Amino acid sequence: MSRVAVVADSGCDLPPALVERYGIGLVSLIARFGDEELLDTPATREQFWARYEQGPPPQSAAPGAGAWADAFTAALERADEVIALTITGRHSATYNGAVLAAAEFGGRVRVFDSWSVSLGEGLLALHAARRAEAGAGAETILAELTDLRARLWVGFVLESLEAVQRGGRLAPVIAAIKRMGSLLAIKPILAIREGTIGLEGAARSMRRGVQSLIERVPPGRVFMAAVGHTRRPELAQAVADALAAAAAFPREHILVGEIGPALAVHAGPGAIGIGFIPVR
């Protein structure tokens, strides 16, 4: 039996091959189209975007404590302890649901707020799973996650403001853009700081916005990196190439994946994001 198992919500957006390779348990977030619910899984991506184009506008929802409890029960059949990672608790009730479920397992489940979304959470979950496989204990892994979380930077460029305005959860971002003077003809650049999504800047084109993200990456000092996208797979691969060159980081070690419904309902189609953890 393994010492530690890793569970994460599906908002981590890790590629299915990595989830399977490291035995990461996933708890599905939910996309809601009116009264209809769609679980956030790789298998439902095409269905999500087909519904997105048809309307009504989707909303995201957190999984209930029961879904977390089921995942913890399954994980504890193969491990002594569980570390559960969630998307930021500042913008989702997912963390609270996991904590509520964990209370029923007598201290064998530890819940960690990633302070991030999408592949930002994914990088932390992947590190935890690799360290668990190597035999590290829960306390060691949690200490490392806390250190990595403090260094993690995630930013993304949106194709438009439509989804953000419609979603309503990022009202401060819209207010900040209005103070800049225009909601038209710009690509908002957002970043996450200590779990809160805020406006980092704006660009007149996607190309300039992406370049602004890449300029954040410290050359020769990257520990982990990822590129996420909504419906822009070719651009995401090109961004990963540029990130690898700018950071002097092995291209094959950069995670590239599609952003799932948990974030896509707010980002809309055409978004590009990068996440990286610098070395100390």
C-alpha atoms as a PDB file:
ATOM      1  CA  MET A   1       0.000   0.000   0.000  1.00  0.00           C
ATOM      2  CA  SER A   2       1.269   3.473  -0.885  1.00  0.00           C
ATOM      3  CA  ARG A   3       1.813   5.946   1.896  1.00  0.00           C
ATOM      4  CA  VAL A   4       0.136   8.916   0.172  1.00  0.00           C
ATOM      5  CA  ALA A   5      -2.476   9.181  -2.586  1.00  0.00           C
ATOM      6  CA  VAL A   6      -3.219  12.416  -4.433  1.00  0.00           C
ATOM      7  CA  VAL A   7      -6.722  13.606  -5.309  1.00  0.00           C
ATOM      8  CA  ALA A   8      -7.578  16.813  -7.168  1.00  0.00           C
ATOM      9  CA  ASP A   9     -10.611  18.468  -8.665  1.00  0.00           C
ATOM     10  CA  SER A  10     -10.941  18.331 -12.434  1.00  0.00           C
ATOM     11  CA  GLY A  11     -10.185  22.045 -12.607  1.00  0.00           C
ATOM     12  CA  CYS A  12      -6.491  21.070 -12.510  1.00  0.00           C
ATOM     13  CA  ASP A  13      -6.814  20.268 -16.242  1.00  0.00           C
ATOM     14  CA  LEU A  14      -4.020  17.680 -16.205  1.00  0.00           C
ATOM     15  CA  PRO A  15      -3.793  15.567 -19.366  1.00  0.00           C
ATOM     16  CA  PRO A  16      -5.523  12.185 -18.873  1.00  0.00           C
ATOM     17  CA  ALA A  17      -2.276  10.305 -19.550  1.00  0.00           C
ATOM     18  CA  LEU A  18      -0.600  11.962 -16.558  1.00  0.00           C
ATOM     19  CA  VAL A  19      -3.633  11.413 -14.333  1.00  0.00           C
ATOM     20  CA  GLU A  20      -3.522   7.723 -15.169  1.00  0.00           C
ATOM     21  CA  ARG A  21       0.273   7.457 -14.969  1.00  0.00           C
ATOM     22  CA  TYR A  22       0.388   8.789 -11.400  1.00  0.00           C
ATOM     23  CA  GLY A  23      -2.942   7.445 -10.194  1.00  0.00           C
ATOM     24  CA  ILE A  24      -4.364  10.856  -9.362  1.00  0.00           C
ATOM     25  CA  GLY A  25      -7.985  10.702  -8.234  1.00  0.00           C
ATOM     26  CA  LEU A  26     -10.215  13.306  -9.876  1.00  0.00           C
ATOM     27  CA  VAL A  27     -13.401  14.907  -8.589  1.00  0.00           C
ATOM     28  CA  SER A  28     -15.411  16.519 -11.388  1.00  0.00           C
ATOM     29  CA  LEU A  29     -16.471  20.128 -11.250  1.00  0.00           C
ATOM     30  CA  ILE A  30     -19.745  21.012 -12.948  1.00  0.00           C
ATOM     31  CA  ALA A  31     -20.832  23.251 -15.806  1.00  0.00           C
ATOM     32  CA  ARG A  32     -24.476  24.315 -15.756  1.00  0.00           C
ATOM     33  CA  PHE A  33     -26.514  25.275 -18.807  1.00  0.00           C
ATOM     34  CA  GLY A  34     -29.768  26.438 -17.271  1.00  0.00           C
ATOM     35  CA  ASP A  35     -31.189  23.399 -15.503  1.00  0.00           C
ATOM     36  CA  GLU A  36     -28.842  20.959 -17.225  1.00  0.00           C
ATOM     37  CA  GLU A  37     -25.562  19.917 -15.587  1.00  0.00           C
ATOM     38  CA  LEU A  38     -22.464  18.651 -17.361  1.00  0.00           C
ATOM     39  CA  LEU A  39     -19.583  17.067 -15.474  1.00  0.00           C
ATOM     40  CA  ASP A  40     -16.188  18.570 -16.225  1.00  0.00           C
ATOM     41  CA  THR A  41     -14.193  15.705 -17.746  1.00  0.00           C
ATOM     42  CA  PRO A  42     -11.967  15.365 -20.828  1.00  0.00           C
ATOM     43  CA  ALA A  43     -14.708  13.223 -22.378  1.00  0.00           C
ATOM     44  CA  THR A  44     -17.227  16.083 -22.186  1.00  0.00           C
ATOM     45  CA  ARG A  45     -15.064  18.869 -23.713  1.00  0.00           C
ATOM     46  CA  GLU A  46     -16.623  18.729 -27.172  1.00  0.00           C
ATOM     47  CA  GLN A  47     -20.106  18.514 -25.679  1.00  0.00           C
ATOM     48  CA  PHE A  48     -19.374  21.535 -23.483  1.00  0.00           C
ATOM     49  CA  TRP A  49     -18.278  23.720 -26.383  1.00  0.00           C
ATOM     50  CA  ALA A  50     -21.179  22.604 -28.560  1.00  0.00           C
ATOM     51  CA  ARG A  51     -23.559  23.658 -25.784  1.00  0.00           C
ATOM     52  CA  TYR A  52     -21.566  26.852 -25.200  1.00  0.00           C
ATOM     53  CA  GLU A  53     -22.289  27.981 -28.744  1.00  0.00           C
ATOM     54  CA  GLN A  54     -26.001  27.135 -28.435  1.00  0.00           C
ATOM     55  CA  GLY A  55     -26.684  28.817 -25.076  1.00  0.00           C
ATOM     56  CA  PRO A  56     -27.924  29.517 -22.495  1.00  0.00           C
ATOM     57  CA  PRO A  57     -24.737  31.010 -21.009  1.00  0.00           C
ATOM     58  CA  PRO A  58     -23.070  28.422 -18.747  1.00  0.00           C
ATOM     59  CA  GLN A  59     -22.086  28.759 -15.121  1.00  0.00           C
ATOM     60  CA  SER A  60     -19.639  26.684 -13.104  1.00  0.00           C
ATOM     61  CA  ALA A  61     -20.446  24.862  -9.875  1.00  0.00           C
ATOM     62  CA  ALA A  62     -18.426  23.095  -7.210  1.00  0.00           C
ATOM     63  CA  PRO A  63     -18.757  19.364  -6.544  1.00  0.00           C
ATOM     64  CA  GLY A  64     -20.584  18.440  -3.355  1.00  0.00           C
ATOM     65  CA  ALA A  65     -18.915  17.011  -0.277  1.00  0.00           C
ATOM     66  CA  GLY A  66     -20.305  13.598  -1.208  1.00  0.00           C
ATOM     67  CA  ALA A  67     -18.280  13.481  -4.428  1.00  0.00           C
ATOM     68  CA  TRP A  68     -15.135  14.300  -2.466  1.00  0.00           C
ATOM     69  CA  ALA A  69     -15.953  11.670   0.158  1.00  0.00           C
ATOM     70  CA  ASP A  70     -16.332   9.016  -2.549  1.00  0.00           C
ATOM     71  CA  ALA A  71     -12.935   9.950  -3.998  1.00  0.00           C
ATOM     72  CA  PHE A  72     -11.288   9.892  -0.566  1.00  0.00           C
ATOM     73  CA  THR A  73     -12.765   6.485   0.212  1.00  0.00           C
ATOM     74  CA  ALA A  74     -11.417   5.067  -3.039  1.00  0.00           C
ATOM     75  CA  ALA A  75      -7.983   6.624  -2.490  1.00  0.00           C
ATOM     76  CA  LEU A  76      -7.683   5.259   1.045  1.00  0.00           C
ATOM     77  CA  GLU A  77      -8.144   1.747  -0.270  1.00  0.00           C
ATOM     78  CA  ARG A  78      -4.672   2.059  -1.781  1.00  0.00           C
ATOM     79  CA  ALA A  79      -2.927   4.517   0.539  1.00  0.00           C
ATOM     80  CA  ASP A  80      -2.542   5.433   4.195  1.00  0.00           C
ATOM     81  CA  GLU A  81      -3.176   9.151   3.686  1.00  0.00           C
ATOM     82  CA  VAL A  82      -4.603  11.463   1.052  1.00  0.00           C
ATOM     83  CA  ILE A  83      -3.563  14.924  -0.085  1.00  0.00           C
ATOM     84  CA  ALA A  84      -6.399  16.675  -1.912  1.00  0.00           C
ATOM     85  CA  LEU A  85      -5.741  19.746  -4.033  1.00  0.00           C
ATOM     86  CA  THR A  86      -8.409  22.214  -5.112  1.00  0.00           C
ATOM     87  CA  ILE A  87      -8.767  25.288  -7.281  1.00  0.00           C
ATOM     88  CA  THR A  88      -8.558  28.562  -5.410  1.00  0.00           C
ATOM     89  CA  GLY A  89     -11.010  28.941  -2.569  1.00  0.00           C
ATOM     90  CA  ARG A  90     -11.214  32.674  -3.308  1.00  0.00           C
ATOM     91  CA  HIS A  91     -13.370  32.039  -6.379  1.00  0.00           C
ATOM     92  CA  SER A  92     -14.954  28.645  -5.723  1.00  0.00           C
ATOM     93  CA  ALA A  93     -16.658  26.633  -2.988  1.00  0.00           C
ATOM     94  CA  THR A  94     -14.672  23.582  -4.087  1.00  0.00           C
ATOM     95  CA  TYR A  95     -12.130  23.901  -1.271  1.00  0.00           C
ATOM     96  CA  ASN A  96     -14.852  24.133   1.379  1.00  0.00           C
ATOM     97  CA  GLY A  97     -16.573  21.016   0.042  1.00  0.00           C
ATOM     98  CA  ALA A  98     -13.327  19.062   0.192  1.00  0.00           C
ATOM     99  CA  VAL A  99     -12.619  20.230   3.752  1.00  0.00           C
ATOM    100  CA  LEU A 100     -16.119  19.235   4.843  1.00  0.00           C
ATOM    101  CA  ALA A 101     -15.677  15.763   3.388  1.00  0.00           C
ATOM    102  CA  ALA A 102     -12.156  15.367   4.808  1.00  0.00           C
ATOM    103  CA  ALA A 103     -13.461  15.898   8.348  1.00  0.00           C
ATOM    104  CA  GLU A 104     -15.109  12.469   8.175  1.00  0.00           C
ATOM    105  CA  PHE A 105     -11.818  10.592   7.702  1.00  0.00           C
ATOM    106  CA  GLY A 106     -10.110  11.048  11.043  1.00  0.00           C
ATOM    107  CA  GLY A 107      -7.165  13.135   9.898  1.00  0.00           C
ATOM    108  CA  ARG A 108      -6.162  10.808   7.070  1.00  0.00           C
ATOM    109  CA  VAL A 109      -7.121  13.376   4.416  1.00  0.00           C
ATOM    110  CA  ARG A 110      -5.368  16.733   4.104  1.00  0.00           C
ATOM    111  CA  VAL A 111      -6.833  19.416   1.842  1.00  0.00           C
ATOM    112  CA  PHE A 112      -4.582  21.939   0.115  1.00  0.00           C
ATOM    113  CA  ASP A 113      -5.851  25.118  -1.561  1.00  0.00           C
ATOM    114  CA  SER A 114      -3.731  25.601  -4.693  1.00  0.00           C
ATOM    115  CA  TRP A 115      -4.515  29.353  -4.785  1.00  0.00           C
ATOM    116  CA  SER A 116      -4.737  28.772  -8.535  1.00  0.00           C
ATOM    117  CA  VAL A 117      -6.822  27.446 -11.408  1.00  0.00           C
ATOM    118  CA  SER A 118      -6.333  25.103 -14.343  1.00  0.00           C
ATOM    119  CA  LEU A 119      -2.757  23.987 -14.961  1.00  0.00           C
ATOM    120  CA  GLY A 120      -1.541  26.156 -12.080  1.00  0.00           C
ATOM    121  CA  GLU A 121      -3.272  23.691  -9.791  1.00  0.00           C
ATOM    122  CA  GLY A 122      -2.193  20.948 -12.186  1.00  0.00           C
ATOM    123  CA  LEU A 123       1.512  21.672 -11.710  1.00  0.00           C
ATOM    124  CA  LEU A 124       1.133  21.386  -7.936  1.00  0.00           C
ATOM    125  CA  ALA A 125      -0.917  18.191  -8.193  1.00  0.00           C
ATOM    126  CA  LEU A 126       1.658  16.662 -10.521  1.00  0.00           C
ATOM    127  CA  HIS A 127       4.503  17.525  -8.162  1.00  0.00           C
ATOM    128  CA  ALA A 128       2.602  16.016  -5.230  1.00  0.00           C
ATOM    129  CA  ALA A 129       1.920  12.809  -7.172  1.00  0.00           C
ATOM    130  CA  ARG A 130       5.545  12.460  -8.236  1.00  0.00           C
ATOM    131  CA  ARG A 131       6.779  12.969  -4.698  1.00  0.00           C
ATOM    132  CA  ALA A 132       4.220  10.505  -3.339  1.00  0.00           C
ATOM    133  CA  GLU A 133       5.395   7.918  -5.851  1.00  0.00           C
ATOM    134  CA  ALA A 134       8.964   8.531  -4.678  1.00  0.00           C
ATOM    135  CA  GLY A 135       7.904   7.674  -1.126  1.00  0.00           C
ATOM    136  CA  ALA A 136       7.695  11.132   0.462  1.00  0.00           C
ATOM    137  CA  GLY A 137       5.332  11.473   3.415  1.00  0.00           C
ATOM    138  CA  ALA A 138       2.333  13.763   3.618  1.00  0.00           C
ATOM    139  CA  GLU A 139       4.011  16.365   5.826  1.00  0.00           C
ATOM    140  CA  THR A 140       6.981  16.630   3.484  1.00  0.00           C
ATOM    141  CA  ILE A 141       4.768  16.943   0.410  1.00  0.00           C
ATOM    142  CA  LEU A 142       2.551  19.577   2.005  1.00  0.00           C
ATOM    143  CA  ALA A 143       5.585  21.625   3.027  1.00  0.00           C
ATOM    144  CA  GLU A 144       6.894  21.477  -0.534  1.00  0.00           C
ATOM    145  CA  LEU A 145       3.489  22.418  -1.956  1.00  0.00           C
ATOM    146  CA  THR A 146       3.320  25.440   0.331  1.00  0.00           C
ATOM    147  CA  ASP A 147       6.728  26.576  -0.904  1.00  0.00           C
ATOM    148  CA  LEU A 148       5.875  25.983  -4.566  1.00  0.00           C
ATOM    149  CA  ARG A 149       2.494  27.712  -4.254  1.00  0.00           C
ATOM    150  CA  ALA A 150       4.218  30.861  -3.005  1.00  0.00           C
ATOM    151  CA  ARG A 151       6.372  30.929  -6.154  1.00  0.00           C
ATOM    152  CA  LEU A 152       3.752  29.831  -8.692  1.00  0.00           C
ATOM    153  CA  TRP A 153       2.708  32.458 -11.222  1.00  0.00           C
ATOM    154  CA  VAL A 154      -0.277  32.018 -13.524  1.00  0.00           C
ATOM    155  CA  GLY A 155      -1.439  34.519 -16.106  1.00  0.00           C
ATOM    156  CA  PHE A 156      -3.717  34.372 -19.116  1.00  0.00           C
ATOM    157  CA  VAL A 157      -4.882  36.498 -22.024  1.00  0.00           C
ATOM    158  CA  LEU A 158      -8.551  36.538 -22.997  1.00  0.00           C
ATOM    159  CA  GLU A 159      -9.763  36.829 -26.558  1.00  0.00           C
ATOM    160  CA  SER A 160     -12.658  39.000 -25.396  1.00  0.00           C
ATOM    161  CA  LEU A 161     -14.461  40.237 -22.299  1.00  0.00           C
ATOM    162  CA  GLU A 162     -17.788  38.644 -23.142  1.00  0.00           C
ATOM    163  CA  ALA A 163     -17.476  35.572 -20.918  1.00  0.00           C
ATOM    164  CA  VAL A 164     -16.015  37.518 -17.977  1.00  0.00           C
ATOM    165  CA  GLN A 165     -18.833  40.029 -18.068  1.00  0.00           C
ATOM    166  CA  ARG A 166     -21.447  37.295 -18.393  1.00  0.00           C
ATOM    167  CA  GLY A 167     -20.005  35.164 -15.589  1.00  0.00           C
ATOM    168  CA  GLY A 168     -20.209  37.936 -13.018  1.00  0.00           C
ATOM    169  CA  ARG A 169     -17.635  36.446 -10.621  1.00  0.00           C
ATOM    170  CA  LEU A 170     -14.844  38.744 -11.763  1.00  0.00           C
ATOM    171  CA  ALA A 171     -16.667  42.055 -11.389  1.00  0.00           C
ATOM    172  CA  PRO A 172     -13.550  43.762  -9.938  1.00  0.00           C
ATOM    173  CA  VAL A 173     -11.687  42.911 -13.150  1.00  0.00           C
ATOM    174  CA  ILE A 174     -14.342  44.571 -15.290  1.00  0.00           C
ATOM    175  CA  ALA A 175     -14.309  47.625 -13.014  1.00  0.00           C
ATOM    176  CA  ALA A 176     -10.524  47.872 -13.336  1.00  0.00           C
ATOM    177  CA  ILE A 177     -10.702  47.685 -17.129  1.00  0.00           C
ATOM    178  CA  LYS A 178     -13.350  50.394 -17.184  1.00  0.00           C
ATOM    179  CA  ARG A 179     -10.992  52.603 -15.197  1.00  0.00           C
ATOM    180  CA  MET A 180      -8.444  52.082 -17.981  1.00  0.00           C
ATOM    181  CA  GLY A 181     -10.912  53.804 -20.257  1.00  0.00           C
ATOM    182  CA  SER A 182     -12.202  51.172 -22.654  1.00  0.00           C
ATOM    183  CA  LEU A 183     -13.784  47.750 -22.872  1.00  0.00           C
ATOM    184  CA  LEU A 184     -13.302  47.636 -26.633  1.00  0.00           C
ATOM    185  CA  ALA A 185     -10.496  46.347 -28.817  1.00  0.00           C
ATOM    186  CA  ILE A 186      -8.292  45.062 -26.009  1.00  0.00           C
ATOM    187  CA  LYS A 187      -7.151  41.653 -24.826  1.00  0.00           C
ATOM    188  CA  PRO A 188      -7.280  41.599 -21.006  1.00  0.00           C
ATOM    189  CA  ILE A 189      -4.276  40.085 -19.246  1.00  0.00           C
ATOM    190  CA  LEU A 190      -5.246  38.477 -15.958  1.00  0.00           C
ATOM    191  CA  ALA A 191      -3.076  36.965 -13.239  1.00  0.00           C
ATOM    192  CA  ILE A 192      -3.661  35.108  -9.978  1.00  0.00           C
ATOM    193  CA  ARG A 193      -2.075  36.372  -6.778  1.00  0.00           C
ATOM    194  CA  GLU A 194      -2.583  34.420  -3.560  1.00  0.00           C
ATOM    195  CA  GLY A 195      -5.714  32.893  -5.016  1.00  0.00           C
ATOM    196  CA  THR A 196      -7.348  36.052  -6.329  1.00  0.00           C
ATOM    197  CA  ILE A 197      -7.756  36.698 -10.057  1.00  0.00           C
ATOM    198  CA  GLY A 198      -7.045  40.288 -10.987  1.00  0.00           C
ATOM    199  CA  LEU A 199      -6.233  42.513 -13.923  1.00  0.00           C
ATOM    200  CA  GLU A 200      -2.550  42.494 -14.801  1.00  0.00           C
ATOM    201  CA  GLY A 201      -2.756  44.659 -17.889  1.00  0.00           C
ATOM    202  CA  ALA A 202      -4.119  44.752 -21.415  1.00  0.00           C
ATOM    203  CA  ALA A 203      -2.837  44.328 -24.944  1.00  0.00           C
ATOM    204  CA  ARG A 204      -4.078  45.399 -28.356  1.00  0.00           C
ATOM    205  CA  SER A 205      -3.538  41.933 -29.823  1.00  0.00           C
ATOM    206  CA  MET A 206      -3.281  38.336 -28.690  1.00  0.00           C
ATOM    207  CA  ARG A 207       0.320  38.238 -29.912  1.00  0.00           C
ATOM    208  CA  ARG A 208       1.319  41.146 -27.697  1.00  0.00           C
ATOM    209  CA  GLY A 209      -0.617  39.711 -24.783  1.00  0.00           C
ATOM    210  CA  VAL A 210       1.154  36.355 -25.068  1.00  0.00           C
ATOM    211  CA  GLN A 211       4.509  38.096 -25.326  1.00  0.00           C
ATOM    212  CA  SER A 212       3.713  39.943 -22.106  1.00  0.00           C
ATOM    213  CA  LEU A 213       3.124  36.602 -20.379  1.00  0.00           C
ATOM    214  CA  ILE A 214       6.350  35.093 -21.676  1.00  0.00           C
ATOM    215  CA  GLU A 215       8.336  38.107 -20.535  1.00  0.00           C
ATOM    216  CA  ARG A 216       7.385  37.178 -16.972  1.00  0.00           C
ATOM    217  CA  VAL A 217       9.331  33.927 -17.167  1.00  0.00           C
ATOM    218  CA  PRO A 218      12.867  34.119 -15.715  1.00  0.00           C
ATOM    219  CA  PRO A 219      15.411  32.636 -18.165  1.00  0.00           C
ATOM    220  CA  GLY A 220      17.233  29.622 -16.815  1.00  0.00           C
ATOM    221  CA  ARG A 221      15.296  29.597 -13.561  1.00  0.00           C
ATOM    222  CA  VAL A 222      12.179  27.526 -14.287  1.00  0.00           C
ATOM    223  CA  PHE A 223      11.318  24.448 -12.213  1.00  0.00           C
ATOM    224  CA  MET A 224       7.935  23.605 -13.816  1.00  0.00           C
ATOM    225  CA  ALA A 225       5.884  25.214 -16.585  1.00  0.00           C
ATOM    226  CA  ALA A 226       2.564  24.787 -18.397  1.00  0.00           C
ATOM    227  CA  VAL A 227       0.478  26.323 -21.182  1.00  0.00           C
ATOM    228  CA  GLY A 228      -3.322  26.147 -21.203  1.00  0.00           C
ATOM    229  CA  HIS A 229      -5.837  27.174 -23.846  1.00  0.00           C
ATOM    230  CA  THR A 230      -9.504  27.238 -24.773  1.00  0.00           C
ATOM    231  CA  ARG A 231      -9.997  26.022 -28.346  1.00  0.00           C
ATOM    232  CA  ARG A 232      -6.546  27.223 -29.496  1.00  0.00           C
ATOM    233  CA  PRO A 233      -4.391  24.046 -29.602  1.00  0.00           C
ATOM    234  CA  GLU A 234      -2.049  25.195 -32.378  1.00  0.00           C
ATOM    235  CA  LEU A 235      -1.420  28.555 -30.732  1.00  0.00           C
ATOM    236  CA  ALA A 236      -0.836  26.812 -27.393  1.00  0.00           C
ATOM    237  CA  GLN A 237       1.876  24.634 -28.939  1.00  0.00           C
ATOM    238  CA  ALA A 238       3.513  27.710 -30.469  1.00  0.00           C
ATOM    239  CA  VAL A 239       3.379  29.499 -27.105  1.00  0.00           C
ATOM    240  CA  ALA A 240       4.992  26.491 -25.439  1.00  0.00           C
ATOM    241  CA  ASP A 241       7.768  26.597 -28.043  1.00  0.00           C
ATOM    242  CA  ALA A 242       8.333  30.296 -27.376  1.00  0.00           C
ATOM    243  CA  LEU A 243       8.227  29.786 -23.618  1.00  0.00           C
ATOM    244  CA  ALA A 244      10.815  27.012 -23.813  1.00  0.00           C
ATOM    245  CA  ALA A 245      13.139  29.178 -25.891  1.00  0.00           C
ATOM    246  CA  ALA A 246      12.733  32.258 -23.692  1.00  0.00           C
ATOM    247  CA  ALA A 247      13.169  30.334 -20.454  1.00  0.00           C
ATOM    248  CA  ALA A 248      15.917  27.968 -21.643  1.00  0.00           C
ATOM    249  CA  PHE A 249      13.659  25.176 -20.389  1.00  0.00           C
ATOM    250  CA  PRO A 250      13.199  21.734 -22.012  1.00  0.00           C
ATOM    251  CA  ARG A 251      10.203  21.909 -24.342  1.00  0.00           C
ATOM    252  CA  GLU A 252       9.204  18.316 -23.558  1.00  0.00           C
ATOM    253  CA  HIS A 253       8.776  19.225 -19.888  1.00  0.00           C
ATOM    254  CA  ILE A 254       6.182  21.934 -20.554  1.00  0.00           C
ATOM    255  CA  LEU A 255       2.635  20.729 -19.964  1.00  0.00           C
ATOM    256  CA  VAL A 256       0.184  21.762 -22.667  1.00  0.00           C
ATOM    257  CA  GLY A 257      -3.519  21.187 -22.185  1.00  0.00           C
ATOM    258  CA  GLU A 258      -7.004  22.479 -22.842  1.00  0.00           C
ATOM    259  CA  ILE A 259      -8.649  24.511 -20.114  1.00  0.00           C
ATOM    260  CA  GLY A 260     -11.793  22.768 -18.902  1.00  0.00           C
ATOM    261  CA  PRO A 261     -15.286  24.131 -18.265  1.00  0.00           C
ATOM    262  CA  ALA A 262     -14.512  25.195 -14.674  1.00  0.00           C
ATOM    263  CA  LEU A 263     -12.482  28.120 -16.003  1.00  0.00           C
ATOM    264  CA  ALA A 264     -13.695  28.196 -19.600  1.00  0.00           C
ATOM    265  CA  VAL A 265     -17.147  29.451 -18.584  1.00  0.00           C
ATOM    266  CA  HIS A 266     -15.381  32.634 -17.420  1.00  0.00           C
ATOM    267  CA  ALA A 267     -12.522  32.792 -19.952  1.00  0.00           C
ATOM    268  CA  GLY A 268     -14.518  31.974 -23.082  1.00  0.00           C
ATOM    269  CA  PRO A 269     -13.014  30.560 -26.287  1.00  0.00           C
ATOM    270  CA  GLY A 270      -9.618  31.709 -27.551  1.00  0.00           C
ATOM    271  CA  ALA A 271      -7.887  32.209 -24.198  1.00  0.00           C
ATOM    272  CA  ILE A 272      -4.209  31.387 -23.651  1.00  0.00           C
ATOM    273  CA  GLY A 273      -2.552  31.009 -20.254  1.00  0.00           C
ATOM    274  CA  ILE A 274       0.856  30.132 -18.889  1.00  0.00           C
ATOM    275  CA  GLY A 275       1.919  28.969 -15.465  1.00  0.00           C
ATOM    276  CA  PHE A 276       5.410  28.519 -14.119  1.00  0.00           C
ATOM    277  CA  ILE A 277       7.258  27.900 -10.885  1.00  0.00           C
ATOM    278  CA  PRO A 278      10.736  29.447 -10.706  1.00  0.00           C
ATOM    279  CA  VAL A 279      13.582  27.759  -8.905  1.00  0.00           C
ATOM    280  CA  ARG A 280      14.784  29.369  -5.699  1.00  0.00           C
END
